[in-house]
Amino acid sequence: MPSYLTPGVYVEEIKGGTQPIEGVGTSTAAFVGTGGRTDVPVGEPIAVSNWSQYVTDFLGAGPMTALSHAVNGFFVNGGQRCYVMDVGDDPALAGTARRPGLSALEEIDEIAIVAAPGYTGPAAYEAVLAHCEKMRDRVAILDTPRDVPNIMDLTMVATLDAGPDPGDSPTADVASVGSGGAAPAGGGPSGGAAPAGGPSTGGAAAVLPAAASARRTGGRAVPSAPRSSSRGTLYYPWLKVTDLVTREVVSVPPSGHVAGIWARTDALRGVHKAPANEPVRGALGLQRRVTPAEQGELNSSGVNVLRFFTGQGIRVWGARTLARDSEPEWRYLNVRRLFSMVEESIIRGTSWIVFEPNDRPLWNMIRRDVSAFCTRLWRDGALVGRTPSEAFFVKCDKETNPDDVVDAGQVVAIVGMAPVKPAEFIVFKVCQFAGGSAVEQEGGSRG
């Protein structure tokens, strides 16, 4: 309190009204891989705002790598800002004693999407999922293997039984398909692919030999899916795009294009809108066309399918996480991303609370500020309900903060929200009925 000793007029500024909670960004992506250059700092995330900057800083000589295609697909589909971390030729995404790996991304709060284009092995899946689960403010976009002989392999979780899996390195799956044709068997020179087992030109990703690209199936089913996680998504199949360096049509993992679609949907509709039924810009075709019956099996297992529709082109036709049956409340991607955004926004927007007197006036201010934030979400269409009271509740009072909680230096607020869920299955029930109607009049006749 100021001291008033000299007679006169004094003016004090006091806090009044709410402390607005601003929604955090949800469209900044992080891509991990190699662009083909040898003079790029390894293991250092670098902010990239456009494709031209990426070309200057990362693009190597020769055919584009999986990382290069992903970053280009991100910007083509509406992405505005991303971080790129070149890991060189080291396939260990989790990091080593000398290289930090994905842990280098932990210091960057604005990242909300993480992808390692072309990394399709169990170790790579686990590294990316574990990173996102640890951070709790980001979601992973994972790629399936390029060649999946049995589509049901994508419904079974992959494990590392013996030796390193070739899918743990992005050099295993990027292939040239020539001028719109199919990928040459064995990754031979036809179509411009690198020789089987040999390095590709300019450090670009090499083509896996035919026996290995089939993931050593031997006629048996090979589980190819990551484990269950509400912080991860999986997309199938790979896309056919044009290599901007060689001008050939190549098959590339879809994670970069999908990340751009997420960013575009967030900007146009909001994070509460499922990033599905959206066109894939820059895609010329699909590595494999999935039938509706096949998608039914994949959709139940949390695999989001890219489909081709006559008159509409290639579209994302799924918006589920890998939560599967373990966490059914987080089955839908937009619900998971909405709650991640809300949690991070509340953490940042209420930092002023720390060390404030823990009593009823503070609890009232917490309810006021969080309720104002949730009301804005409701007005934007992110929450279900005719009124705010039906859409959310914020409880912070003596019941949530008894004496033992206050004595422990804690203040507890409970926030409940009713999120909008996507209309995934549109059902119209149509029946036949006898047209027309008969009207009978009873009673006396008119005069």
Protein backbone atom coordinates (compact mmCIF):
# COMPACT_ATOMS: atom_id res chain seq x y z
CA MET A 1 0.00 0.00 0.00
CA PRO A 2 1.33 3.48 -0.83
CA SER A 3 1.93 5.98 1.95
CA TYR A 4 0.02 9.27 1.87
CA LEU A 5 1.89 11.93 3.85
CA THR A 6 1.53 15.10 1.83
CA PRO A 7 -1.97 16.54 1.40
CA GLY A 8 -3.11 16.39 -2.21
CA VAL A 9 -4.80 14.24 -4.85
CA TYR A 10 -3.41 10.79 -5.64
CA VAL A 11 -4.33 8.48 -8.52
CA GLU A 12 -3.84 4.73 -8.34
CA GLU A 13 -4.25 2.20 -11.13
CA ILE A 14 -5.99 -0.97 -10.04
CA LYS A 15 -6.79 -4.15 -11.94
CA GLY A 16 -10.36 -4.54 -13.00
CA GLY A 17 -12.35 -6.81 -15.25
CA THR A 18 -11.23 -10.15 -16.62
CA GLN A 19 -7.74 -11.31 -17.45
CA PRO A 20 -8.40 -12.52 -21.02
CA ILE A 21 -7.24 -16.03 -21.90
CA GLU A 22 -6.08 -16.15 -25.50
CA GLY A 23 -6.24 -19.36 -27.49
CA VAL A 24 -2.81 -20.71 -28.41
CA GLY A 25 -1.85 -21.54 -31.98
CA THR A 26 -2.51 -25.04 -33.24
CA SER A 27 -1.08 -25.03 -36.76
CA THR A 28 2.70 -24.90 -36.28
CA ALA A 29 4.27 -28.20 -37.35
CA ALA A 30 7.65 -29.80 -36.75
CA PHE A 31 9.20 -32.05 -39.39
CA VAL A 32 12.08 -34.40 -38.70
CA GLY A 33 14.23 -36.04 -41.36
CA THR A 34 16.91 -35.08 -43.83
CA GLY A 35 16.78 -32.69 -46.75
CA GLY A 36 19.87 -34.08 -48.46
CA ARG A 37 22.41 -31.39 -47.60
CA THR A 38 25.51 -32.19 -45.57
CA ASP A 39 26.24 -28.69 -44.27
CA VAL A 40 22.99 -28.29 -42.30
CA PRO A 41 23.22 -28.21 -38.49
CA VAL A 42 22.17 -31.65 -37.30
CA GLY A 43 19.63 -31.90 -34.50
CA GLU A 44 18.81 -28.19 -34.48
CA PRO A 45 15.18 -27.13 -35.12
CA ILE A 46 15.02 -24.19 -37.52
CA ALA A 47 11.88 -22.10 -38.13
CA VAL A 48 10.75 -22.08 -41.76
CA SER A 49 8.06 -19.73 -43.05
CA ASN A 50 7.90 -20.64 -46.74
CA TRP A 51 9.12 -23.11 -49.34
CA SER A 52 11.78 -20.76 -50.70
CA GLN A 53 13.43 -20.57 -47.30
CA TYR A 54 13.46 -24.36 -47.05
CA VAL A 55 15.07 -24.66 -50.49
CA THR A 56 17.81 -22.26 -49.43
CA ASP A 57 18.50 -23.85 -46.06
CA PHE A 58 17.82 -27.58 -46.48
CA LEU A 59 17.25 -28.81 -50.05
CA GLY A 60 20.13 -30.90 -51.33
CA ALA A 61 21.16 -31.84 -54.84
CA GLY A 62 19.39 -34.64 -56.64
CA PRO A 63 15.87 -35.98 -56.11
CA MET A 64 13.84 -34.58 -53.24
CA THR A 65 13.78 -36.55 -50.00
CA ALA A 66 10.75 -37.52 -47.96
CA LEU A 67 11.33 -34.51 -45.70
CA SER A 68 11.48 -32.13 -48.67
CA HIS A 69 8.24 -33.48 -50.11
CA ALA A 70 6.57 -33.19 -46.72
CA VAL A 71 7.55 -29.56 -46.18
CA ASN A 72 6.48 -28.66 -49.72
CA GLY A 73 3.15 -30.44 -49.20
CA PHE A 74 2.67 -28.58 -45.92
CA PHE A 75 2.99 -25.15 -47.53
CA VAL A 76 1.00 -26.13 -50.64
CA ASN A 77 -1.93 -27.24 -48.48
CA GLY A 78 -2.13 -24.09 -46.38
CA GLY A 79 0.59 -24.33 -43.74
CA GLN A 80 2.17 -21.03 -42.71
CA ARG A 81 4.99 -21.87 -40.31
CA CYS A 82 6.91 -24.96 -39.32
CA TYR A 83 10.13 -26.12 -37.72
CA VAL A 84 12.49 -28.40 -39.59
CA MET A 85 15.08 -30.53 -37.82
CA ASP A 86 17.61 -32.33 -39.99
CA VAL A 87 18.85 -35.51 -38.31
CA GLY A 88 21.27 -36.46 -41.06
CA ASP A 89 21.72 -40.16 -41.65
CA ASP A 90 20.96 -41.11 -38.04
CA PRO A 91 17.75 -43.19 -37.92
CA ALA A 92 17.40 -42.89 -34.12
CA LEU A 93 14.63 -40.32 -33.69
CA ALA A 94 14.65 -40.77 -29.93
CA GLY A 95 18.20 -39.46 -29.88
CA THR A 96 21.53 -40.80 -28.76
CA ALA A 97 24.15 -39.83 -26.20
CA ARG A 98 25.60 -37.37 -28.71
CA ARG A 99 22.47 -36.20 -30.51
CA PRO A 100 19.31 -34.97 -28.78
CA GLY A 101 16.78 -36.34 -31.27
CA LEU A 102 13.16 -35.31 -30.73
CA SER A 103 13.97 -33.90 -27.31
CA ALA A 104 15.34 -30.84 -29.13
CA LEU A 105 11.72 -29.94 -29.93
CA GLU A 106 10.67 -29.81 -26.28
CA GLU A 107 11.85 -26.23 -25.82
CA ILE A 108 9.55 -24.91 -28.57
CA ASP A 109 6.09 -24.34 -27.09
CA GLU A 110 4.36 -23.28 -30.31
CA ILE A 111 4.72 -26.69 -31.96
CA ALA A 112 1.35 -28.46 -32.15
CA ILE A 113 1.98 -31.04 -34.90
CA VAL A 114 4.90 -33.46 -35.17
CA ALA A 115 5.77 -35.62 -38.18
CA ALA A 116 8.74 -37.72 -39.25
CA PRO A 117 7.99 -38.25 -42.95
CA GLY A 118 8.83 -41.72 -44.19
CA TYR A 119 9.78 -43.16 -40.80
CA THR A 120 7.54 -46.21 -40.62
CA GLY A 121 9.18 -48.64 -38.21
CA PRO A 122 8.17 -49.57 -34.65
CA ALA A 123 11.07 -47.66 -33.07
CA ALA A 124 10.25 -44.50 -35.02
CA TYR A 125 6.55 -44.78 -34.21
CA GLU A 126 7.31 -45.16 -30.51
CA ALA A 127 9.75 -42.23 -30.46
CA VAL A 128 7.27 -39.78 -32.00
CA LEU A 129 4.31 -40.96 -29.91
CA ALA A 130 6.33 -40.88 -26.69
CA HIS A 131 7.45 -37.34 -27.46
CA CYS A 132 3.89 -36.10 -28.03
CA GLU A 133 2.57 -37.88 -24.94
CA LYS A 134 5.31 -36.34 -22.83
CA MET A 135 4.65 -32.81 -24.10
CA ARG A 136 0.82 -33.12 -24.00
CA ASP A 137 0.38 -30.12 -26.29
CA ARG A 138 0.97 -31.72 -29.70
CA VAL A 139 -0.29 -34.54 -31.89
CA ALA A 140 1.74 -36.82 -34.16
CA ILE A 141 1.03 -37.57 -37.81
CA LEU A 142 2.45 -40.99 -38.67
CA ASP A 143 2.92 -42.62 -42.07
CA THR A 144 2.20 -46.22 -42.95
CA PRO A 145 4.76 -48.23 -44.93
CA ARG A 146 4.70 -47.49 -48.64
CA ASP A 147 3.94 -51.07 -49.66
CA VAL A 148 1.34 -52.94 -47.63
CA PRO A 149 0.62 -56.28 -49.37
CA ASN A 150 -2.12 -57.15 -46.89
CA ILE A 151 -4.17 -54.15 -45.85
CA MET A 152 -5.17 -55.91 -42.63
CA ASP A 153 -1.54 -55.54 -41.49
CA LEU A 154 -2.46 -51.95 -40.67
CA THR A 155 -4.89 -53.14 -38.01
CA MET A 156 -2.16 -54.94 -36.03
CA VAL A 157 0.47 -53.24 -33.88
CA ALA A 158 4.02 -53.61 -35.13
CA THR A 159 6.80 -54.79 -32.84
CA LEU A 160 10.54 -55.02 -33.24
CA ASP A 161 11.27 -58.73 -32.86
CA ALA A 162 14.80 -59.07 -34.20
CA GLY A 163 17.21 -56.50 -35.58
CA PRO A 164 16.49 -52.98 -36.84
CA ASP A 165 13.52 -52.53 -39.10
CA PRO A 166 14.21 -50.75 -42.41
CA GLY A 167 11.16 -48.61 -41.81
CA ASP A 168 12.96 -46.86 -38.95
CA SER A 169 14.88 -44.91 -41.60
CA PRO A 170 13.18 -42.74 -44.23
CA THR A 171 15.54 -44.15 -46.87
CA ALA A 172 13.44 -47.30 -46.89
CA ASP A 173 10.31 -46.14 -48.63
CA VAL A 174 10.66 -43.16 -50.97
CA ALA A 175 10.42 -44.41 -54.54
CA SER A 176 10.18 -43.00 -58.01
CA VAL A 177 7.30 -44.23 -60.10
CA GLY A 178 8.50 -42.74 -63.36
CA SER A 179 6.04 -40.78 -65.39
CA GLY A 180 2.93 -41.76 -63.52
CA GLY A 181 3.59 -45.50 -63.65
CA ALA A 182 3.89 -48.01 -60.88
CA ALA A 183 6.97 -48.28 -58.75
CA PRO A 184 9.52 -50.47 -60.52
CA ALA A 185 10.12 -53.83 -58.94
CA GLY A 186 13.38 -53.89 -57.10
CA GLY A 187 13.82 -50.14 -57.30
CA GLY A 188 15.74 -50.44 -60.57
CA PRO A 189 16.77 -47.63 -62.85
CA SER A 190 13.49 -47.51 -64.76
CA GLY A 191 11.59 -44.44 -63.62
CA GLY A 192 14.73 -42.87 -62.21
CA ALA A 193 14.86 -44.77 -58.92
CA ALA A 194 18.09 -45.56 -57.19
CA PRO A 195 19.60 -49.04 -57.69
CA ALA A 196 18.50 -51.64 -55.17
CA GLY A 197 20.63 -51.53 -52.08
CA GLY A 198 22.71 -48.60 -53.35
CA PRO A 199 22.72 -44.94 -52.40
CA SER A 200 20.69 -42.48 -54.38
CA THR A 201 22.08 -39.42 -56.10
CA GLY A 202 22.75 -36.34 -54.03
CA GLY A 203 21.81 -37.85 -50.71
CA ALA A 204 18.16 -38.38 -51.64
CA ALA A 205 16.28 -41.33 -50.22
CA ALA A 206 17.03 -44.67 -51.82
CA VAL A 207 14.49 -47.27 -52.94
CA LEU A 208 14.12 -50.38 -50.85
CA PRO A 209 14.63 -53.68 -52.73
CA ALA A 210 11.44 -55.50 -53.65
CA ALA A 211 11.83 -58.23 -51.04
CA ALA A 212 12.41 -55.69 -48.28
CA SER A 213 9.78 -53.22 -49.51
CA ALA A 214 7.26 -55.98 -48.98
CA ARG A 215 8.55 -55.89 -45.39
CA ARG A 216 9.83 -59.45 -45.54
CA THR A 217 6.33 -60.87 -45.35
CA GLY A 218 7.13 -64.32 -46.70
CA GLY A 219 3.43 -64.68 -47.41
CA ARG A 220 2.58 -64.01 -43.76
CA ALA A 221 0.81 -61.07 -42.19
CA VAL A 222 3.24 -58.47 -40.83
CA PRO A 223 1.82 -56.05 -38.24
CA SER A 224 2.49 -52.53 -39.51
CA ALA A 225 0.54 -50.15 -37.24
CA PRO A 226 1.73 -48.09 -34.27
CA ARG A 227 0.37 -48.72 -30.79
CA SER A 228 -2.75 -47.09 -29.38
CA SER A 229 -2.38 -43.45 -28.41
CA SER A 230 -4.71 -40.47 -28.30
CA ARG A 231 -1.76 -38.25 -29.25
CA GLY A 232 -1.14 -39.91 -32.60
CA THR A 233 -2.79 -40.36 -36.00
CA LEU A 234 -2.02 -42.67 -38.93
CA TYR A 235 -2.72 -41.98 -42.62
CA TYR A 236 -2.81 -44.36 -45.60
CA PRO A 237 -1.94 -44.67 -48.51
CA TRP A 238 1.06 -42.76 -49.87
CA LEU A 239 0.57 -39.99 -52.43
CA LYS A 240 1.89 -39.59 -55.96
CA VAL A 241 3.35 -36.14 -56.50
CA THR A 242 5.82 -34.43 -58.81
CA ASP A 243 9.44 -34.15 -57.73
CA LEU A 244 10.19 -30.47 -58.20
CA VAL A 245 13.84 -31.23 -58.98
CA THR A 246 13.65 -34.18 -61.37
CA ARG A 247 10.08 -33.50 -62.60
CA GLU A 248 9.28 -37.21 -62.16
CA VAL A 249 6.19 -38.60 -60.46
CA VAL A 250 7.13 -40.21 -57.15
CA SER A 251 5.36 -41.84 -54.22
CA VAL A 252 5.73 -39.89 -50.98
CA PRO A 253 4.39 -40.24 -47.43
CA PRO A 254 1.25 -38.15 -46.81
CA SER A 255 2.15 -36.67 -43.41
CA GLY A 256 3.36 -33.31 -44.74
CA HIS A 257 0.29 -32.75 -46.90
CA VAL A 258 -1.98 -33.78 -44.03
CA ALA A 259 -0.25 -31.36 -41.65
CA GLY A 260 -0.94 -28.56 -44.13
CA ILE A 261 -4.60 -29.57 -44.25
CA TRP A 262 -4.76 -29.42 -40.46
CA ALA A 263 -3.32 -25.91 -40.52
CA ARG A 264 -5.68 -24.83 -43.30
CA THR A 265 -8.74 -26.16 -41.47
CA ASP A 266 -7.67 -24.47 -38.24
CA ALA A 267 -7.36 -21.12 -40.02
CA LEU A 268 -10.63 -21.33 -41.95
CA ARG A 269 -12.92 -23.11 -39.47
CA GLY A 270 -11.15 -23.58 -36.16
CA VAL A 271 -9.42 -26.44 -34.38
CA HIS A 272 -12.81 -27.88 -33.41
CA LYS A 273 -13.53 -28.73 -37.06
CA ALA A 274 -12.38 -32.22 -38.02
CA PRO A 275 -9.66 -31.90 -40.72
CA ALA A 276 -11.40 -34.33 -43.06
CA ASN A 277 -13.40 -34.19 -46.29
CA GLU A 278 -10.75 -31.75 -47.47
CA PRO A 279 -8.95 -31.84 -50.84
CA VAL A 280 -5.27 -32.77 -50.91
CA ARG A 281 -3.52 -30.11 -52.94
CA GLY A 282 -0.52 -31.14 -55.00
CA ALA A 283 -1.47 -34.83 -55.10
CA LEU A 284 -1.63 -36.46 -58.54
CA GLY A 285 -2.71 -39.89 -57.42
CA LEU A 286 -2.65 -42.53 -54.70
CA GLN A 287 -0.24 -45.39 -54.21
CA ARG A 288 -3.28 -47.62 -53.71
CA ARG A 289 -7.01 -47.02 -53.93
CA VAL A 290 -8.93 -48.23 -50.92
CA THR A 291 -12.44 -49.62 -51.29
CA PRO A 292 -15.27 -48.65 -48.92
CA ALA A 293 -15.22 -52.14 -47.38
CA GLU A 294 -11.49 -51.91 -46.74
CA GLN A 295 -11.85 -48.49 -45.19
CA GLY A 296 -14.47 -49.87 -42.83
CA GLU A 297 -11.84 -52.18 -41.36
CA LEU A 298 -9.15 -49.49 -41.26
CA ASN A 299 -11.42 -46.80 -39.81
CA SER A 300 -12.30 -49.00 -36.84
CA SER A 301 -8.58 -49.35 -36.13
CA GLY A 302 -7.91 -45.63 -36.25
CA VAL A 303 -6.33 -45.55 -39.72
CA ASN A 304 -7.37 -42.45 -41.65
CA VAL A 305 -7.71 -43.16 -45.35
CA LEU A 306 -7.07 -40.89 -48.30
CA ARG A 307 -9.70 -41.59 -50.94
CA PHE A 308 -10.28 -40.65 -54.56
CA PHE A 309 -13.80 -39.55 -55.53
CA THR A 310 -14.93 -38.92 -59.07
CA GLY A 311 -15.56 -35.22 -59.52
CA GLN A 312 -13.92 -34.33 -56.19
CA GLY A 313 -10.41 -35.70 -56.47
CA ILE A 314 -8.28 -36.94 -53.59
CA ARG A 315 -9.64 -36.16 -50.13
CA VAL A 316 -8.83 -36.95 -46.53
CA TRP A 317 -11.59 -39.34 -45.53
CA GLY A 318 -10.94 -39.95 -41.85
CA ALA A 319 -10.46 -37.95 -38.65
CA ARG A 320 -9.63 -40.40 -35.90
CA THR A 321 -6.75 -40.75 -33.49
CA LEU A 322 -5.02 -44.00 -32.60
CA ALA A 323 -6.88 -44.13 -29.27
CA ARG A 324 -8.99 -47.05 -30.55
CA ASP A 325 -10.86 -48.87 -27.78
CA SER A 326 -8.39 -47.96 -25.02
CA GLU A 327 -9.54 -44.31 -24.81
CA PRO A 328 -12.87 -44.00 -26.64
CA GLU A 329 -13.42 -40.45 -25.38
CA TRP A 330 -10.43 -39.33 -27.47
CA ARG A 331 -11.41 -41.23 -30.61
CA TYR A 332 -11.96 -38.12 -32.73
CA LEU A 333 -9.01 -36.01 -33.75
CA ASN A 334 -10.72 -32.64 -33.45
CA VAL A 335 -11.78 -33.39 -29.86
CA ARG A 336 -8.22 -34.32 -28.90
CA ARG A 337 -6.74 -31.21 -30.51
CA LEU A 338 -9.44 -28.93 -29.06
CA PHE A 339 -8.75 -30.08 -25.50
CA SER A 340 -5.00 -29.81 -26.02
CA MET A 341 -5.49 -26.22 -27.17
CA VAL A 342 -7.76 -25.40 -24.21
CA GLU A 343 -5.36 -26.92 -21.69
CA GLU A 344 -2.36 -25.03 -23.07
CA SER A 345 -4.34 -21.79 -23.33
CA ILE A 346 -5.49 -21.99 -19.71
CA ILE A 347 -1.94 -22.74 -18.53
CA ARG A 348 -0.56 -19.68 -20.29
CA GLY A 349 -3.49 -17.38 -19.59
CA THR A 350 -3.64 -18.00 -15.86
CA SER A 351 0.06 -17.75 -15.00
CA TRP A 352 -0.73 -14.57 -13.07
CA ILE A 353 -2.41 -16.71 -10.42
CA VAL A 354 0.86 -18.07 -9.08
CA PHE A 355 1.62 -16.74 -5.56
CA GLU A 356 -1.72 -14.89 -5.32
CA PRO A 357 -3.62 -15.20 -2.02
CA ASN A 358 -5.48 -18.50 -2.18
CA ASP A 359 -8.96 -17.50 -1.04
CA ARG A 360 -12.46 -16.90 -2.39
CA PRO A 361 -11.62 -13.71 -4.33
CA LEU A 362 -9.01 -15.67 -6.31
CA TRP A 363 -11.42 -18.54 -6.92
CA ASN A 364 -14.01 -16.09 -8.23
CA MET A 365 -11.48 -14.57 -10.63
CA ILE A 366 -10.48 -18.00 -11.91
CA ARG A 367 -14.11 -18.90 -12.58
CA ARG A 368 -14.65 -15.56 -14.29
CA ASP A 369 -11.66 -15.78 -16.63
CA VAL A 370 -12.02 -19.44 -17.58
CA SER A 371 -15.77 -19.04 -18.10
CA ALA A 372 -15.17 -16.08 -20.42
CA PHE A 373 -12.73 -18.18 -22.47
CA CYS A 374 -15.12 -21.12 -22.69
CA THR A 375 -17.96 -18.80 -23.66
CA ARG A 376 -15.95 -17.62 -26.65
CA LEU A 377 -15.36 -21.25 -27.65
CA TRP A 378 -19.09 -21.90 -27.43
CA ARG A 379 -19.88 -18.87 -29.59
CA ASP A 380 -17.36 -20.09 -32.17
CA GLY A 381 -19.20 -23.39 -32.41
CA ALA A 382 -16.61 -25.54 -30.63
CA LEU A 383 -18.95 -26.63 -27.83
CA VAL A 384 -22.41 -28.23 -27.88
CA GLY A 385 -25.34 -26.61 -26.13
CA ARG A 386 -28.09 -24.04 -26.54
CA THR A 387 -26.68 -21.98 -23.66
CA PRO A 388 -23.22 -21.68 -22.06
CA SER A 389 -24.44 -23.63 -19.04
CA GLU A 390 -25.20 -26.59 -21.31
CA ALA A 391 -21.83 -26.31 -23.07
CA PHE A 392 -19.41 -26.11 -20.14
CA PHE A 393 -18.98 -25.62 -16.40
CA VAL A 394 -16.18 -24.17 -14.28
CA LYS A 395 -16.03 -25.12 -10.62
CA CYS A 396 -13.53 -23.46 -8.28
CA ASP A 397 -14.77 -23.03 -4.71
CA LYS A 398 -14.45 -24.34 -1.19
CA GLU A 399 -15.46 -27.82 -2.32
CA THR A 400 -12.57 -28.12 -4.79
CA ASN A 401 -10.21 -26.27 -2.46
CA PRO A 402 -10.63 -27.62 1.09
CA ASP A 403 -8.20 -26.60 3.80
CA ASP A 404 -5.75 -29.44 3.15
CA VAL A 405 -5.48 -28.45 -0.52
CA VAL A 406 -4.96 -24.79 0.36
CA ASP A 407 -2.36 -25.73 2.97
CA ALA A 408 -0.51 -27.67 0.27
CA GLY A 409 -0.25 -24.47 -1.78
CA GLN A 410 -2.66 -25.67 -4.44
CA VAL A 411 -5.70 -24.16 -6.07
CA VAL A 412 -7.93 -26.59 -7.94
CA ALA A 413 -10.43 -25.70 -10.64
CA ILE A 414 -12.53 -28.26 -12.52
CA VAL A 415 -13.47 -27.42 -16.10
CA GLY A 416 -15.93 -29.57 -18.05
CA MET A 417 -16.75 -29.06 -21.73
CA ALA A 418 -19.10 -30.69 -24.22
CA PRO A 419 -17.11 -30.70 -27.48
CA VAL A 420 -18.59 -30.84 -30.94
CA LYS A 421 -17.98 -34.24 -32.52
CA PRO A 422 -17.87 -34.84 -36.27
CA ALA A 423 -20.85 -36.25 -38.15
CA GLU A 424 -18.91 -39.31 -39.27
CA PHE A 425 -21.83 -41.47 -40.38
CA ILE A 426 -24.64 -39.69 -42.18
CA VAL A 427 -27.77 -41.86 -42.17
CA PHE A 428 -30.93 -41.13 -44.15
CA LYS A 429 -33.74 -43.60 -43.60
CA VAL A 430 -35.95 -43.71 -46.66
CA CYS A 431 -39.24 -45.61 -46.90
CA GLN A 432 -42.22 -45.87 -49.19
CA PHE A 433 -45.65 -44.65 -48.20
CA ALA A 434 -49.04 -44.42 -49.78
CA GLY A 435 -49.33 -40.96 -51.30
CA GLY A 436 -52.33 -38.71 -50.77
CA SER A 437 -54.92 -38.77 -48.02
CA ALA A 438 -58.63 -39.26 -47.72
CA VAL A 439 -60.78 -36.80 -45.79
CA GLU A 440 -64.17 -37.91 -44.60
CA GLN A 441 -66.82 -35.52 -43.34
CA GLU A 442 -69.37 -36.63 -40.85
CA GLY A 443 -72.47 -34.83 -39.66
CA GLY A 444 -75.47 -33.10 -41.19
CA SER A 445 -75.60 -31.65 -44.66
CA ARG A 446 -75.53 -27.98 -45.40
CA GLY A 447 -78.86 -26.18 -45.71
